[in-house]
Amino acid sequence: APAPTPRPSMPLADPSTPRAGRRSLFP
């Protein structure tokens, strides 16, 4: 069987930036 394609993963927020300054992952 062909090798399975990797599933896309959700990008994680950078923990060094404060939460208030982060942009949302969703528009």
PDB file of all heavy atoms in Angstrom:
ATOM      1  N   ALA A   1       0.853  -1.185   0.000  1.00  0.00           N
ATOM      2  CA  ALA A   1       0.000   0.000   0.000  1.00  0.00           C
ATOM      3  C   ALA A   1       0.888   1.234   0.000  1.00  0.00           C
ATOM      4  O   ALA A   1       1.971   1.248   0.594  1.00  0.00           O
ATOM      5  CB  ALA A   1      -0.891  -0.009   1.227  1.00  0.00           C
ATOM      6  N   PRO A   2       0.447   2.295  -0.700  1.00  0.00           N
ATOM      7  CA  PRO A   2       1.257   3.523  -0.693  1.00  0.00           C
ATOM      8  C   PRO A   2       1.290   4.125   0.710  1.00  0.00           C
ATOM      9  O   PRO A   2       0.375   3.929   1.505  1.00  0.00           O
ATOM     10  CB  PRO A   2       0.526   4.444  -1.670  1.00  0.00           C
ATOM     11  CG  PRO A   2      -0.866   3.931  -1.730  1.00  0.00           C
ATOM     12  CD  PRO A   2      -0.773   2.464  -1.471  1.00  0.00           C
ATOM     13  N   ALA A   3       2.354   4.837   0.980  1.00  0.00           N
ATOM     14  CA  ALA A   3       2.511   5.460   2.293  1.00  0.00           C
ATOM     15  C   ALA A   3       1.418   6.518   2.472  1.00  0.00           C
ATOM     16  O   ALA A   3       1.092   7.246   1.528  1.00  0.00           O
ATOM     17  CB  ALA A   3       3.881   6.105   2.416  1.00  0.00           C
ATOM     18  N   PRO A   4       0.835   6.598   3.644  1.00  0.00           N
ATOM     19  CA  PRO A   4      -0.227   7.593   3.835  1.00  0.00           C
ATOM     20  C   PRO A   4       0.340   9.004   3.804  1.00  0.00           C
ATOM     21  O   PRO A   4       1.467   9.251   4.234  1.00  0.00           O
ATOM     22  CB  PRO A   4      -0.787   7.257   5.216  1.00  0.00           C
ATOM     23  CG  PRO A   4       0.305   6.518   5.906  1.00  0.00           C
ATOM     24  CD  PRO A   4       1.081   5.815   4.834  1.00  0.00           C
ATOM     25  N   THR A   5      -0.469   9.906   3.258  1.00  0.00           N
ATOM     26  CA  THR A   5      -0.029  11.304   3.215  1.00  0.00           C
ATOM     27  C   THR A   5      -0.191  11.904   4.604  1.00  0.00           C
ATOM     28  O   THR A   5      -1.145  11.577   5.318  1.00  0.00           O
ATOM     29  CB  THR A   5      -0.886  12.105   2.214  1.00  0.00           C
ATOM     30  OG1 THR A   5      -2.253  11.983   2.590  1.00  0.00           O
ATOM     31  CG2 THR A   5      -0.694  11.585   0.810  1.00  0.00           C
ATOM     32  N   PRO A   6       0.727  12.748   5.021  1.00  0.00           N
ATOM     33  CA  PRO A   6       0.617  13.326   6.361  1.00  0.00           C
ATOM     34  C   PRO A   6      -0.611  14.234   6.456  1.00  0.00           C
ATOM     35  O   PRO A   6      -0.938  14.945   5.507  1.00  0.00           O
ATOM     36  CB  PRO A   6       1.919  14.100   6.547  1.00  0.00           C
ATOM     37  CG  PRO A   6       2.429  14.338   5.174  1.00  0.00           C
ATOM     38  CD  PRO A   6       1.903  13.232   4.324  1.00  0.00           C
ATOM     39  N   ARG A   7      -1.262  14.175   7.580  1.00  0.00           N
ATOM     40  CA  ARG A   7      -2.426  15.021   7.779  1.00  0.00           C
ATOM     41  C   ARG A   7      -1.987  16.435   8.106  1.00  0.00           C
ATOM     42  O   ARG A   7      -1.001  16.634   8.824  1.00  0.00           O
ATOM     43  CB  ARG A   7      -3.266  14.481   8.926  1.00  0.00           C
ATOM     44  CG  ARG A   7      -3.887  13.143   8.592  1.00  0.00           C
ATOM     45  CD  ARG A   7      -4.663  12.593   9.721  1.00  0.00           C
ATOM     46  NE  ARG A   7      -5.605  13.593  10.216  1.00  0.00           N
ATOM     47  CZ  ARG A   7      -6.474  13.371  11.195  1.00  0.00           C
ATOM     48  NH1 ARG A   7      -6.508  12.213  11.773  1.00  0.00           N
ATOM     49  NH2 ARG A   7      -7.293  14.304  11.592  1.00  0.00           N
ATOM     50  N   PRO A   8      -2.713  17.419   7.600  1.00  0.00           N
ATOM     51  CA  PRO A   8      -2.322  18.797   7.938  1.00  0.00           C
ATOM     52  C   PRO A   8      -2.574  19.057   9.415  1.00  0.00           C
ATOM     53  O   PRO A   8      -3.546  18.574   9.984  1.00  0.00           O
ATOM     54  CB  PRO A   8      -3.228  19.657   7.062  1.00  0.00           C
ATOM     55  CG  PRO A   8      -4.378  18.785   6.704  1.00  0.00           C
ATOM     56  CD  PRO A   8      -3.863  17.390   6.709  1.00  0.00           C
ATOM     57  N   SER A   9      -1.680  19.775  10.022  1.00  0.00           N
ATOM     58  CA  SER A   9      -1.845  20.087  11.436  1.00  0.00           C
ATOM     59  C   SER A   9      -2.123  21.575  11.592  1.00  0.00           C
ATOM     60  O   SER A   9      -1.742  22.390  10.741  1.00  0.00           O
ATOM     61  CB  SER A   9      -0.595  19.698  12.222  1.00  0.00           C
ATOM     62  OG  SER A   9       0.506  20.434  11.740  1.00  0.00           O
ATOM     63  N   MET A  10      -2.749  21.909  12.659  1.00  0.00           N
ATOM     64  CA  MET A  10      -3.114  23.300  12.907  1.00  0.00           C
ATOM     65  C   MET A  10      -1.912  24.027  13.485  1.00  0.00           C
ATOM     66  O   MET A  10      -1.262  23.507  14.403  1.00  0.00           O
ATOM     67  CB  MET A  10      -4.283  23.320  13.891  1.00  0.00           C
ATOM     68  CG  MET A  10      -4.873  24.645  14.122  1.00  0.00           C
ATOM     69  SD  MET A  10      -6.394  24.370  15.036  1.00  0.00           S
ATOM     70  CE  MET A  10      -7.245  25.810  14.593  1.00  0.00           C
ATOM     71  N   PRO A  11      -1.605  25.199  12.955  1.00  0.00           N
ATOM     72  CA  PRO A  11      -0.451  25.917  13.498  1.00  0.00           C
ATOM     73  C   PRO A  11      -0.732  26.371  14.927  1.00  0.00           C
ATOM     74  O   PRO A  11      -1.817  26.821  15.250  1.00  0.00           O
ATOM     75  CB  PRO A  11      -0.280  27.107  12.554  1.00  0.00           C
ATOM     76  CG  PRO A  11      -1.613  27.298  11.939  1.00  0.00           C
ATOM     77  CD  PRO A  11      -2.255  25.955  11.894  1.00  0.00           C
ATOM     78  N   LEU A  12       0.260  26.220  15.773  1.00  0.00           N
ATOM     79  CA  LEU A  12       0.110  26.631  17.161  1.00  0.00           C
ATOM     80  C   LEU A  12       0.618  28.054  17.343  1.00  0.00           C
ATOM     81  O   LEU A  12       1.528  28.502  16.645  1.00  0.00           O
ATOM     82  CB  LEU A  12       0.888  25.683  18.078  1.00  0.00           C
ATOM     83  CG  LEU A  12       0.418  24.238  18.063  1.00  0.00           C
ATOM     84  CD1 LEU A  12       1.351  23.385  18.889  1.00  0.00           C
ATOM     85  CD2 LEU A  12      -0.996  24.159  18.590  1.00  0.00           C
ATOM     86  N   ALA A  13       0.014  28.745  18.278  1.00  0.00           N
ATOM     87  CA  ALA A  13       0.427  30.125  18.545  1.00  0.00           C
ATOM     88  C   ALA A  13       1.785  30.137  19.233  1.00  0.00           C
ATOM     89  O   ALA A  13       2.137  29.214  19.964  1.00  0.00           O
ATOM     90  CB  ALA A  13      -0.607  30.803  19.420  1.00  0.00           C
ATOM     91  N   ASP A  14       2.527  31.205  18.999  1.00  0.00           N
ATOM     92  CA  ASP A  14       3.844  31.352  19.618  1.00  0.00           C
ATOM     93  C   ASP A  14       3.641  31.703  21.092  1.00  0.00           C
ATOM     94  O   ASP A  14       3.013  32.709  21.415  1.00  0.00           O
ATOM     95  CB  ASP A  14       4.619  32.454  18.897  1.00  0.00           C
ATOM     96  CG  ASP A  14       6.028  32.607  19.428  1.00  0.00           C
ATOM     97  OD1 ASP A  14       6.503  31.643  20.084  1.00  0.00           O
ATOM     98  OD2 ASP A  14       6.646  33.646  19.198  1.00  0.00           O
ATOM     99  N   PRO A  15       4.140  30.866  22.000  1.00  0.00           N
ATOM    100  CA  PRO A  15       3.892  31.148  23.418  1.00  0.00           C
ATOM    101  C   PRO A  15       4.633  32.371  23.935  1.00  0.00           C
ATOM    102  O   PRO A  15       4.307  32.894  25.001  1.00  0.00           O
ATOM    103  CB  PRO A  15       4.380  29.889  24.121  1.00  0.00           C
ATOM    104  CG  PRO A  15       5.223  29.158  23.159  1.00  0.00           C
ATOM    105  CD  PRO A  15       4.843  29.626  21.794  1.00  0.00           C
ATOM    106  N   SER A  16       5.609  32.886  23.191  1.00  0.00           N
ATOM    107  CA  SER A  16       6.358  34.046  23.692  1.00  0.00           C
ATOM    108  C   SER A  16       5.556  35.331  23.536  1.00  0.00           C
ATOM    109  O   SER A  16       5.800  36.294  24.257  1.00  0.00           O
ATOM    110  CB  SER A  16       7.697  34.168  22.965  1.00  0.00           C
ATOM    111  OG  SER A  16       7.462  34.380  21.588  1.00  0.00           O
ATOM    112  N   THR A  17       4.603  35.381  22.609  1.00  0.00           N
ATOM    113  CA  THR A  17       3.816  36.608  22.454  1.00  0.00           C
ATOM    114  C   THR A  17       2.659  36.578  23.445  1.00  0.00           C
ATOM    115  O   THR A  17       2.091  35.531  23.712  1.00  0.00           O
ATOM    116  CB  THR A  17       3.247  36.725  21.024  1.00  0.00           C
ATOM    117  OG1 THR A  17       2.443  35.589  20.764  1.00  0.00           O
ATOM    118  CG2 THR A  17       4.346  36.824  20.006  1.00  0.00           C
ATOM    119  N   PRO A  18       2.302  37.733  24.025  1.00  0.00           N
ATOM    120  CA  PRO A  18       1.195  37.763  24.974  1.00  0.00           C
ATOM    121  C   PRO A  18      -0.124  37.423  24.275  1.00  0.00           C
ATOM    122  O   PRO A  18      -0.290  37.636  23.085  1.00  0.00           O
ATOM    123  CB  PRO A  18       1.189  39.184  25.511  1.00  0.00           C
ATOM    124  CG  PRO A  18       2.003  39.976  24.581  1.00  0.00           C
ATOM    125  CD  PRO A  18       2.924  39.027  23.863  1.00  0.00           C
ATOM    126  N   ARG A  19      -1.019  36.941  25.042  1.00  0.00           N
ATOM    127  CA  ARG A  19      -2.281  36.457  24.484  1.00  0.00           C
ATOM    128  C   ARG A  19      -3.075  37.586  23.831  1.00  0.00           C
ATOM    129  O   ARG A  19      -3.701  37.403  22.808  1.00  0.00           O
ATOM    130  CB  ARG A  19      -3.103  35.816  25.598  1.00  0.00           C
ATOM    131  CG  ARG A  19      -4.429  35.319  25.136  1.00  0.00           C
ATOM    132  CD  ARG A  19      -5.025  34.449  26.139  1.00  0.00           C
ATOM    133  NE  ARG A  19      -5.222  33.195  25.426  1.00  0.00           N
ATOM    134  CZ  ARG A  19      -5.875  32.163  25.857  1.00  0.00           C
ATOM    135  NH1 ARG A  19      -6.344  32.173  27.048  1.00  0.00           N
ATOM    136  NH2 ARG A  19      -6.022  31.109  25.140  1.00  0.00           N
ATOM    137  N   ALA A  20      -3.066  38.741  24.407  1.00  0.00           N
ATOM    138  CA  ALA A  20      -3.827  39.856  23.863  1.00  0.00           C
ATOM    139  C   ALA A  20      -3.271  40.287  22.519  1.00  0.00           C
ATOM    140  O   ALA A  20      -3.986  40.785  21.663  1.00  0.00           O
ATOM    141  CB  ALA A  20      -3.821  41.027  24.828  1.00  0.00           C
ATOM    142  N   GLY A  21      -1.973  40.086  22.303  1.00  0.00           N
ATOM    143  CA  GLY A  21      -1.360  40.542  21.059  1.00  0.00           C
ATOM    144  C   GLY A  21      -1.448  39.528  19.937  1.00  0.00           C
ATOM    145  O   GLY A  21      -1.138  39.843  18.786  1.00  0.00           O
ATOM    146  N   ARG A  22      -1.864  38.356  20.216  1.00  0.00           N
ATOM    147  CA  ARG A  22      -1.946  37.324  19.184  1.00  0.00           C
ATOM    148  C   ARG A  22      -3.113  37.590  18.253  1.00  0.00           C
ATOM    149  O   ARG A  22      -4.161  38.042  18.661  1.00  0.00           O
ATOM    150  CB  ARG A  22      -2.143  35.946  19.809  1.00  0.00           C
ATOM    151  CG  ARG A  22      -0.979  35.464  20.585  1.00  0.00           C
ATOM    152  CD  ARG A  22      -1.261  34.062  21.079  1.00  0.00           C
ATOM    153  NE  ARG A  22      -0.329  33.723  22.138  1.00  0.00           N
ATOM    154  CZ  ARG A  22      -0.525  32.817  23.047  1.00  0.00           C
ATOM    155  NH1 ARG A  22      -1.635  32.120  23.053  1.00  0.00           N
ATOM    156  NH2 ARG A  22       0.374  32.566  23.956  1.00  0.00           N
ATOM    157  N   ARG A  23      -2.896  37.247  17.017  1.00  0.00           N
ATOM    158  CA  ARG A  23      -3.990  37.331  16.063  1.00  0.00           C
ATOM    159  C   ARG A  23      -4.707  35.988  16.067  1.00  0.00           C
ATOM    160  O   ARG A  23      -4.113  34.954  16.316  1.00  0.00           O
ATOM    161  CB  ARG A  23      -3.450  37.621  14.677  1.00  0.00           C
ATOM    162  CG  ARG A  23      -2.868  39.022  14.575  1.00  0.00           C
ATOM    163  CD  ARG A  23      -2.481  39.337  13.193  1.00  0.00           C
ATOM    164  NE  ARG A  23      -3.618  39.020  12.303  1.00  0.00           N
ATOM    165  CZ  ARG A  23      -3.730  39.437  11.071  1.00  0.00           C
ATOM    166  NH1 ARG A  23      -2.780  40.165  10.568  1.00  0.00           N
ATOM    167  NH2 ARG A  23      -4.743  39.116  10.332  1.00  0.00           N
ATOM    168  N   SER A  24      -5.955  36.039  15.775  1.00  0.00           N
ATOM    169  CA  SER A  24      -6.742  34.821  15.774  1.00  0.00           C
ATOM    170  C   SER A  24      -6.349  33.948  14.591  1.00  0.00           C
ATOM    171  O   SER A  24      -5.965  34.433  13.529  1.00  0.00           O
ATOM    172  CB  SER A  24      -8.228  35.179  15.675  1.00  0.00           C
ATOM    173  OG  SER A  24      -8.986  34.009  15.492  1.00  0.00           O
ATOM    174  N   LEU A  25      -6.439  32.642  14.777  1.00  0.00           N
ATOM    175  CA  LEU A  25      -6.176  31.717  13.677  1.00  0.00           C
ATOM    176  C   LEU A  25      -7.314  31.723  12.663  1.00  0.00           C
ATOM    177  O   LEU A  25      -7.134  31.355  11.516  1.00  0.00           O
ATOM    178  CB  LEU A  25      -5.994  30.295  14.219  1.00  0.00           C
ATOM    179  CG  LEU A  25      -4.786  30.086  15.100  1.00  0.00           C
ATOM    180  CD1 LEU A  25      -4.808  28.683  15.668  1.00  0.00           C
ATOM    181  CD2 LEU A  25      -3.526  30.306  14.289  1.00  0.00           C
ATOM    182  N   PHE A  26      -8.487  32.138  13.130  1.00  0.00           N
ATOM    183  CA  PHE A  26      -9.648  32.146  12.260  1.00  0.00           C
ATOM    184  C   PHE A  26     -10.033  33.578  11.947  1.00  0.00           C
ATOM    185  O   PHE A  26     -10.016  34.436  12.821  1.00  0.00           O
ATOM    186  CB  PHE A  26     -10.813  31.412  12.936  1.00  0.00           C
ATOM    187  CG  PHE A  26     -10.471  30.006  13.290  1.00  0.00           C
ATOM    188  CD1 PHE A  26     -10.165  29.661  14.588  1.00  0.00           C
ATOM    189  CD2 PHE A  26     -10.419  29.024  12.307  1.00  0.00           C
ATOM    190  CE1 PHE A  26      -9.839  28.363  14.910  1.00  0.00           C
ATOM    191  CE2 PHE A  26     -10.094  27.727  12.626  1.00  0.00           C
ATOM    192  CZ  PHE A  26      -9.798  27.402  13.924  1.00  0.00           C
ATOM    193  N   PRO A  27     -10.413  33.856  10.716  1.00  0.00           N
ATOM    194  CA  PRO A  27     -10.780  35.235  10.380  1.00  0.00           C
ATOM    195  C   PRO A  27     -12.096  35.621  11.048  1.00  0.00           C
ATOM    196  O   PRO A  27     -12.925  34.782  11.358  1.00  0.00           O
ATOM    197  CB  PRO A  27     -10.926  35.188   8.872  1.00  0.00           C
ATOM    198  CG  PRO A  27     -11.240  33.781   8.553  1.00  0.00           C
ATOM    199  CD  PRO A  27     -10.521  32.956   9.575  1.00  0.00           C
TER     200      PRO A  27
END
